Amino acid sequence: MRLKVGELAKRSGLTVRTLHHYDAIGLLRPSARADNGYRLYDRHDVSRLHQIQAMRRFGLALAEIQTYLAQPETPLANIVERQIAMLDSQIQQAARLRERLADLHGMLLHGEEPELTDWLTTLEMMTMYDKYFSTDELARLPMYRNTQAPDPEWTTLIAEVRALMDCGVPPESEAARTLSKRWMTMLVRDTGGDPRLVAKLNQMHNNEPSMQVHIGISTQLRDYVLLAFSETKMLVYEKYLTPGEIRFMRANYGKRAMEWPQLMADVRDAMDAGATPESPAGRELARRWLDLFRSYAGDDPETHRRLRHALQTEPELMLGSWTDESMLAFMRAAMNSGVQSR
């Protein structure tokens, strides 16, 4: 049995445009074509599509999925096993909520009036994350899971950063820089390297003061970490820039730093939707990208060249950036397209 692209789209819940994009980039090529040129997908194609969509839910970018599936004898059983693990995590989360509700139910049956905090904790559990994240996204955010047992790795790190900040240790210090690199490494890990999740985390953090209290990360603490992490970058860039360039960069690097996650999220969405670099959407993203870049790099093409050279030479500069080569290639092509169109 073979399915036409429209039939596969309907049965899989995807769009025809998405399947065409997967074909164009070589991620999912139909096994056959009808005499009239229509794409035809067989059982093996659908099996591969299952693997692709499963890995998308794990937070992998299309380029990463393509690399993974290019390996010989990629076992489908491993993918299904990871799906089961994700569902187990979601079941555990639901079980924790059920346990909380059962406690409240028992108190009410025995004529006990739950404390205000009991009601608030339960309400927060049910509604807070639903406003910002889907269920599968929550399964990839251990730092922000609303549980009775917070992640000890994050709890320890948050306490260490707070201790430095409270003692007046400047964010430029070696101790603060070391903790900031741990922080960003863990954050990339716990968001699956997906800038869309980071953008949502930032939105939730800014909009929900109770969340800041619950996880122990105030706006001041977050800004302290970002300043420390920015300094790790400055120390690397110093090797490539003039004193005047690095002074300008230090003064401006953090001013619009919070705009980057949303921009990268928009780029990833455009790429996944099949937008091309030369499309109007691609050129608009390139304009926004260059605007942010120039906000701390200035307008001198020679400075831009040195910064690009540093990025290509120093792998450390990519740490905590939520970018990969596929995104950078898309943006380079979009910028080149914008220049050529003028």
Protein backbone atom coordinates (compact mmCIF):
# COMPACT_ATOMS: atom_id res chain seq x y z
CA MET A 1 0.00 0.00 0.00
CA ARG A 2 1.28 3.44 -0.91
CA LEU A 3 -0.01 6.84 0.12
CA LYS A 4 -0.03 10.07 -1.84
CA VAL A 5 1.44 13.09 -0.11
CA GLY A 6 -2.01 14.52 0.67
CA GLU A 7 -3.16 11.23 2.19
CA LEU A 8 -0.03 10.93 4.31
CA ALA A 9 -0.41 14.53 5.47
CA LYS A 10 -4.00 13.88 6.53
CA ARG A 11 -3.20 10.60 8.30
CA SER A 12 -0.11 11.96 10.07
CA GLY A 13 -1.48 15.35 11.06
CA LEU A 14 1.27 17.16 9.17
CA THR A 15 0.91 19.62 6.33
CA VAL A 16 1.69 18.87 2.70
CA ARG A 17 4.13 21.76 2.82
CA THR A 18 6.06 20.12 5.66
CA LEU A 19 6.32 16.83 3.77
CA HIS A 20 7.48 18.69 0.66
CA HIS A 21 10.13 20.42 2.80
CA TYR A 22 11.31 17.10 4.23
CA ASP A 23 11.64 15.82 0.67
CA ALA A 24 13.50 18.93 -0.50
CA ILE A 25 16.16 18.68 2.22
CA GLY A 26 16.54 14.92 1.78
CA LEU A 27 15.10 14.04 5.18
CA LEU A 28 12.14 12.01 3.88
CA ARG A 29 12.22 11.08 0.22
CA PRO A 30 9.20 9.14 -1.12
CA SER A 31 10.07 5.65 -2.31
CA ALA A 32 8.22 6.06 -5.59
CA ARG A 33 6.36 8.46 -7.82
CA ALA A 34 3.25 7.88 -9.86
CA ASP A 35 3.21 8.38 -13.63
CA ASN A 36 1.81 11.86 -13.07
CA GLY A 37 4.70 12.73 -10.74
CA TYR A 38 2.79 12.44 -7.46
CA ARG A 39 4.89 11.40 -4.48
CA LEU A 40 4.10 7.90 -3.16
CA TYR A 41 5.05 6.79 0.35
CA ASP A 42 5.28 3.17 1.49
CA ARG A 43 5.54 1.44 4.89
CA HIS A 44 9.28 2.15 5.20
CA ASP A 45 8.73 5.84 4.47
CA VAL A 46 6.05 6.06 7.16
CA SER A 47 8.38 4.30 9.60
CA ARG A 48 11.04 6.90 8.90
CA LEU A 49 8.48 9.68 9.34
CA HIS A 50 7.62 8.21 12.73
CA GLN A 51 11.28 8.46 13.73
CA ILE A 52 11.52 12.04 12.47
CA GLN A 53 8.46 13.22 14.37
CA ALA A 54 9.51 11.37 17.52
CA MET A 55 12.88 13.11 17.49
CA ARG A 56 11.22 16.47 16.80
CA ARG A 57 9.28 15.97 20.04
CA PHE A 58 12.58 15.29 21.79
CA GLY A 59 13.67 18.79 20.76
CA LEU A 60 16.14 17.86 18.02
CA ALA A 61 16.62 20.17 15.06
CA LEU A 62 16.01 18.82 11.57
CA ALA A 63 19.74 18.90 10.78
CA GLU A 64 20.47 16.82 13.89
CA ILE A 65 17.75 14.33 12.94
CA GLN A 66 19.17 14.03 9.45
CA THR A 67 22.63 13.29 10.85
CA TYR A 68 21.22 10.71 13.25
CA LEU A 69 19.18 8.90 10.62
CA ALA A 70 22.13 8.84 8.24
CA GLN A 71 23.86 6.42 10.58
CA PRO A 72 23.68 2.81 9.37
CA GLU A 73 21.10 0.54 10.95
CA THR A 74 19.50 3.21 13.11
CA PRO A 75 17.23 1.13 15.40
CA LEU A 76 13.58 2.18 15.49
CA ALA A 77 13.25 0.36 18.84
CA ASN A 78 15.48 2.99 20.47
CA ILE A 79 13.24 5.80 19.24
CA VAL A 80 10.10 4.07 20.55
CA GLU A 81 11.89 3.44 23.84
CA ARG A 82 12.58 7.16 24.21
CA GLN A 83 8.95 7.94 23.41
CA ILE A 84 7.87 5.57 26.16
CA ALA A 85 10.28 7.29 28.57
CA MET A 86 8.79 10.68 27.69
CA LEU A 87 5.27 9.38 28.29
CA ASP A 88 6.41 7.85 31.60
CA SER A 89 7.65 11.29 32.63
CA GLN A 90 4.31 12.85 31.72
CA ILE A 91 2.47 10.12 33.64
CA GLN A 92 4.65 10.82 36.69
CA GLN A 93 3.84 14.50 36.45
CA ALA A 94 0.11 13.73 36.28
CA ALA A 95 0.51 11.33 39.20
CA ARG A 96 2.06 14.07 41.33
CA LEU A 97 -0.87 16.34 40.57
CA ARG A 98 -3.30 13.53 41.35
CA GLU A 99 -1.57 12.93 44.67
CA ARG A 100 -1.85 16.60 45.52
CA LEU A 101 -5.55 16.66 44.65
CA ALA A 102 -6.11 13.46 46.66
CA ASP A 103 -4.56 15.15 49.72
CA LEU A 104 -6.93 18.07 49.35
CA HIS A 105 -9.87 15.71 48.82
CA GLY A 106 -8.99 13.77 51.96
CA MET A 107 -8.74 16.93 54.03
CA LEU A 108 -12.14 18.08 52.81
CA LEU A 109 -13.76 14.69 53.53
CA HIS A 110 -12.47 14.85 57.12
CA GLY A 111 -13.84 18.32 57.59
CA GLU A 112 -10.45 19.98 57.50
CA GLU A 113 -10.08 23.27 55.71
CA PRO A 114 -6.92 23.24 53.55
CA GLU A 115 -4.52 26.08 54.11
CA LEU A 116 -4.34 28.84 51.55
CA THR A 117 -0.91 27.62 50.45
CA ASP A 118 -2.35 24.15 49.78
CA TRP A 119 -4.88 25.56 47.34
CA LEU A 120 -2.38 27.92 45.74
CA THR A 121 0.23 25.20 45.21
CA THR A 122 -2.31 22.97 43.51
CA LEU A 123 -3.73 25.74 41.38
CA GLU A 124 -0.24 26.79 40.35
CA MET A 125 0.59 23.21 39.46
CA MET A 126 -2.46 22.92 37.23
CA THR A 127 -2.30 26.24 35.43
CA MET A 128 1.10 27.90 35.55
CA TYR A 129 2.94 25.86 32.98
CA ASP A 130 -0.07 25.24 30.77
CA LYS A 131 -0.07 28.94 29.89
CA TYR A 132 3.38 28.71 28.35
CA PHE A 133 4.30 25.12 27.49
CA SER A 134 2.83 22.03 25.92
CA THR A 135 2.98 18.73 27.79
CA ASP A 136 5.95 17.39 25.86
CA GLU A 137 7.81 20.67 26.38
CA LEU A 138 7.31 20.41 30.13
CA ALA A 139 8.81 16.94 30.06
CA ARG A 140 12.05 18.54 28.81
CA LEU A 141 12.19 21.24 31.50
CA PRO A 142 13.29 19.61 34.77
CA MET A 143 14.38 22.95 36.28
CA TYR A 144 10.87 24.34 35.96
CA ARG A 145 8.80 21.31 36.87
CA ASN A 146 6.52 22.21 39.73
CA THR A 147 7.24 19.28 42.02
CA GLN A 148 7.70 18.62 45.71
CA ALA A 149 11.30 17.56 45.02
CA PRO A 150 13.17 20.24 43.02
CA ASP A 151 16.09 19.22 40.83
CA PRO A 152 19.08 19.04 43.26
CA GLU A 153 21.58 20.00 40.56
CA TRP A 154 19.78 23.27 39.89
CA THR A 155 19.04 23.88 43.56
CA THR A 156 22.74 23.62 44.38
CA LEU A 157 23.83 25.85 41.51
CA ILE A 158 21.23 28.53 42.30
CA ALA A 159 22.40 28.57 45.92
CA GLU A 160 26.05 28.92 44.87
CA VAL A 161 25.28 31.83 42.55
CA ARG A 162 23.13 33.55 45.16
CA ALA A 163 25.90 33.22 47.74
CA LEU A 164 28.37 34.98 45.41
CA MET A 165 25.89 37.73 44.59
CA ASP A 166 24.92 38.29 48.23
CA CYS A 167 28.61 38.56 49.22
CA GLY A 168 29.16 41.26 46.62
CA VAL A 169 31.41 39.18 44.37
CA PRO A 170 31.40 40.97 40.99
CA PRO A 171 29.99 39.03 38.02
CA GLU A 172 33.31 39.57 36.21
CA SER A 173 35.12 37.40 38.79
CA GLU A 174 36.49 33.99 37.87
CA ALA A 175 34.16 32.29 40.38
CA ALA A 176 31.07 33.92 38.88
CA ARG A 177 32.21 33.17 35.33
CA THR A 178 32.74 29.50 36.19
CA LEU A 179 29.25 29.19 37.66
CA SER A 180 27.71 31.02 34.70
CA LYS A 181 29.21 28.51 32.28
CA ARG A 182 27.76 25.65 34.33
CA TRP A 183 24.41 27.46 34.33
CA MET A 184 24.28 27.98 30.58
CA THR A 185 25.48 24.45 29.84
CA MET A 186 22.71 23.00 32.03
CA LEU A 187 20.12 25.36 30.54
CA VAL A 188 21.00 24.31 26.99
CA ARG A 189 20.82 20.68 28.12
CA ASP A 190 17.46 21.08 29.84
CA THR A 191 15.89 22.86 26.88
CA GLY A 192 17.19 20.36 24.34
CA GLY A 193 19.09 23.20 22.68
CA ASP A 194 15.77 24.66 21.49
CA PRO A 195 15.71 28.49 21.57
CA ARG A 196 11.89 28.41 21.48
CA LEU A 197 11.83 26.88 24.95
CA VAL A 198 14.29 29.48 26.23
CA ALA A 199 12.11 32.27 24.86
CA LYS A 200 9.10 30.79 26.67
CA LEU A 201 11.09 30.42 29.89
CA ASN A 202 12.07 34.08 29.71
CA GLN A 203 8.47 35.08 29.10
CA MET A 204 7.22 33.02 32.03
CA HIS A 205 9.97 34.27 34.31
CA ASN A 206 9.19 37.90 33.51
CA ASN A 207 5.41 37.53 33.79
CA GLU A 208 5.13 35.30 36.87
CA PRO A 209 6.65 36.72 40.07
CA SER A 210 5.41 33.67 42.00
CA MET A 211 7.49 31.48 39.71
CA GLN A 212 10.60 33.49 40.55
CA VAL A 213 9.93 32.82 44.23
CA HIS A 214 9.17 29.14 43.65
CA ILE A 215 12.38 28.35 41.76
CA GLY A 216 14.56 30.83 43.62
CA ILE A 217 15.71 32.73 40.53
CA SER A 218 15.01 36.43 40.88
CA THR A 219 15.46 38.84 38.00
CA GLN A 220 18.57 40.17 39.74
CA LEU A 221 20.04 36.67 40.01
CA ARG A 222 19.37 35.97 36.35
CA ASP A 223 20.97 39.26 35.30
CA TYR A 224 24.01 38.47 37.48
CA VAL A 225 24.48 35.18 35.64
CA LEU A 226 24.07 36.85 32.24
CA LEU A 227 26.67 39.50 33.10
CA ALA A 228 29.10 36.83 34.25
CA PHE A 229 28.50 34.77 31.14
CA SER A 230 28.93 37.81 28.90
CA GLU A 231 32.32 38.39 30.48
CA THR A 232 33.42 34.87 29.53
CA LYS A 233 32.78 35.89 25.93
CA MET A 234 34.53 39.25 26.27
CA LEU A 235 37.73 37.62 27.51
CA VAL A 236 37.80 35.50 24.35
CA TYR A 237 36.95 38.37 22.02
CA GLU A 238 39.77 40.46 23.55
CA LYS A 239 42.24 38.32 21.60
CA TYR A 240 40.72 39.46 18.30
CA LEU A 241 39.51 43.04 18.82
CA THR A 242 41.21 46.39 19.37
CA PRO A 243 40.94 48.03 22.83
CA GLY A 244 38.37 50.48 21.48
CA GLU A 245 36.29 47.74 19.91
CA ILE A 246 36.23 45.63 23.05
CA ARG A 247 35.30 48.66 25.18
CA PHE A 248 32.34 49.37 22.90
CA MET A 249 31.33 45.72 22.92
CA ARG A 250 31.52 45.43 26.72
CA ALA A 251 29.39 48.55 27.10
CA ASN A 252 26.67 47.30 24.74
CA TYR A 253 26.79 43.49 24.63
CA GLY A 254 24.19 42.91 27.34
CA LYS A 255 21.77 45.74 26.54
CA ARG A 256 19.64 43.71 24.11
CA ALA A 257 20.81 40.21 25.00
CA MET A 258 17.29 39.14 26.02
CA GLU A 259 16.10 39.69 22.43
CA TRP A 260 18.30 36.92 21.02
CA PRO A 261 16.33 33.85 22.22
CA GLN A 262 13.08 35.05 20.62
CA LEU A 263 14.86 35.92 17.37
CA MET A 264 16.50 32.50 17.23
CA ALA A 265 13.14 30.91 18.04
CA ASP A 266 11.61 32.77 15.09
CA VAL A 267 14.44 31.60 12.83
CA ARG A 268 13.95 27.99 13.91
CA ASP A 269 10.20 28.25 13.30
CA ALA A 270 10.81 29.68 9.83
CA MET A 271 13.26 26.93 8.97
CA ASP A 272 10.91 24.21 10.18
CA ALA A 273 8.06 25.76 8.19
CA GLY A 274 10.14 25.45 5.02
CA ALA A 275 10.92 29.14 4.51
CA THR A 276 13.93 29.77 2.29
CA PRO A 277 16.70 32.26 3.13
CA GLU A 278 15.84 34.39 0.10
CA SER A 279 12.13 34.58 0.99
CA PRO A 280 10.68 37.80 2.49
CA ALA A 281 10.54 36.03 5.87
CA GLY A 282 14.19 35.02 5.58
CA ARG A 283 15.31 38.53 4.63
CA GLU A 284 13.32 40.07 7.50
CA LEU A 285 14.98 37.69 9.95
CA ALA A 286 18.36 38.66 8.50
CA ARG A 287 17.53 42.34 9.02
CA ARG A 288 16.63 41.71 12.67
CA TRP A 289 19.74 39.59 13.18
CA LEU A 290 22.05 42.26 11.76
CA ASP A 291 20.32 44.96 13.83
CA LEU A 292 21.04 43.06 17.04
CA PHE A 293 24.58 42.23 15.97
CA ARG A 294 25.38 45.85 15.17
CA SER A 295 23.98 46.99 18.52
CA TYR A 296 27.17 45.69 20.16
CA ALA A 297 29.53 45.27 17.18
CA GLY A 298 29.10 48.72 15.64
CA ASP A 299 29.06 49.39 11.91
CA ASP A 300 32.70 48.87 10.92
CA PRO A 301 32.98 45.97 8.41
CA GLU A 302 36.51 45.25 9.65
CA THR A 303 35.21 44.76 13.19
CA HIS A 304 32.54 42.43 11.83
CA ARG A 305 35.20 40.43 10.01
CA ARG A 306 37.25 40.03 13.18
CA LEU A 307 34.19 38.95 15.15
CA ARG A 308 33.28 36.35 12.53
CA HIS A 309 36.85 35.07 12.59
CA ALA A 310 36.68 34.74 16.38
CA LEU A 311 33.43 32.78 16.15
CA GLN A 312 34.91 30.41 13.60
CA THR A 313 38.11 29.96 15.60
CA GLU A 314 36.87 29.72 19.19
CA PRO A 315 34.33 26.92 19.88
CA GLU A 316 33.78 28.32 23.38
CA LEU A 317 31.94 31.28 21.87
CA MET A 318 29.15 28.95 20.73
CA LEU A 319 28.51 27.73 24.29
CA GLY A 320 25.04 28.71 25.44
CA SER A 321 24.10 30.28 22.12
CA TRP A 322 21.28 27.90 21.06
CA THR A 323 22.55 28.08 17.51
CA ASP A 324 23.88 25.34 15.26
CA GLU A 325 25.50 25.25 11.86
CA SER A 326 22.17 24.83 10.05
CA MET A 327 20.79 28.03 11.61
CA LEU A 328 23.98 29.97 10.92
CA ALA A 329 24.03 28.75 7.31
CA PHE A 330 20.39 29.84 6.89
CA MET A 331 21.17 33.30 8.26
CA ARG A 332 24.31 33.72 6.15
CA ALA A 333 22.33 32.84 3.03
CA ALA A 334 19.52 35.20 4.05
CA MET A 335 21.98 38.06 4.60
CA ASN A 336 23.66 37.42 1.26
CA SER A 337 20.26 37.36 -0.42
CA GLY A 338 19.37 40.69 1.15
CA VAL A 339 22.59 42.28 -0.10
CA GLN A 340 22.13 40.94 -3.63
CA SER A 341 18.51 42.16 -3.79
CA ARG A 342 19.53 45.77 -3.18
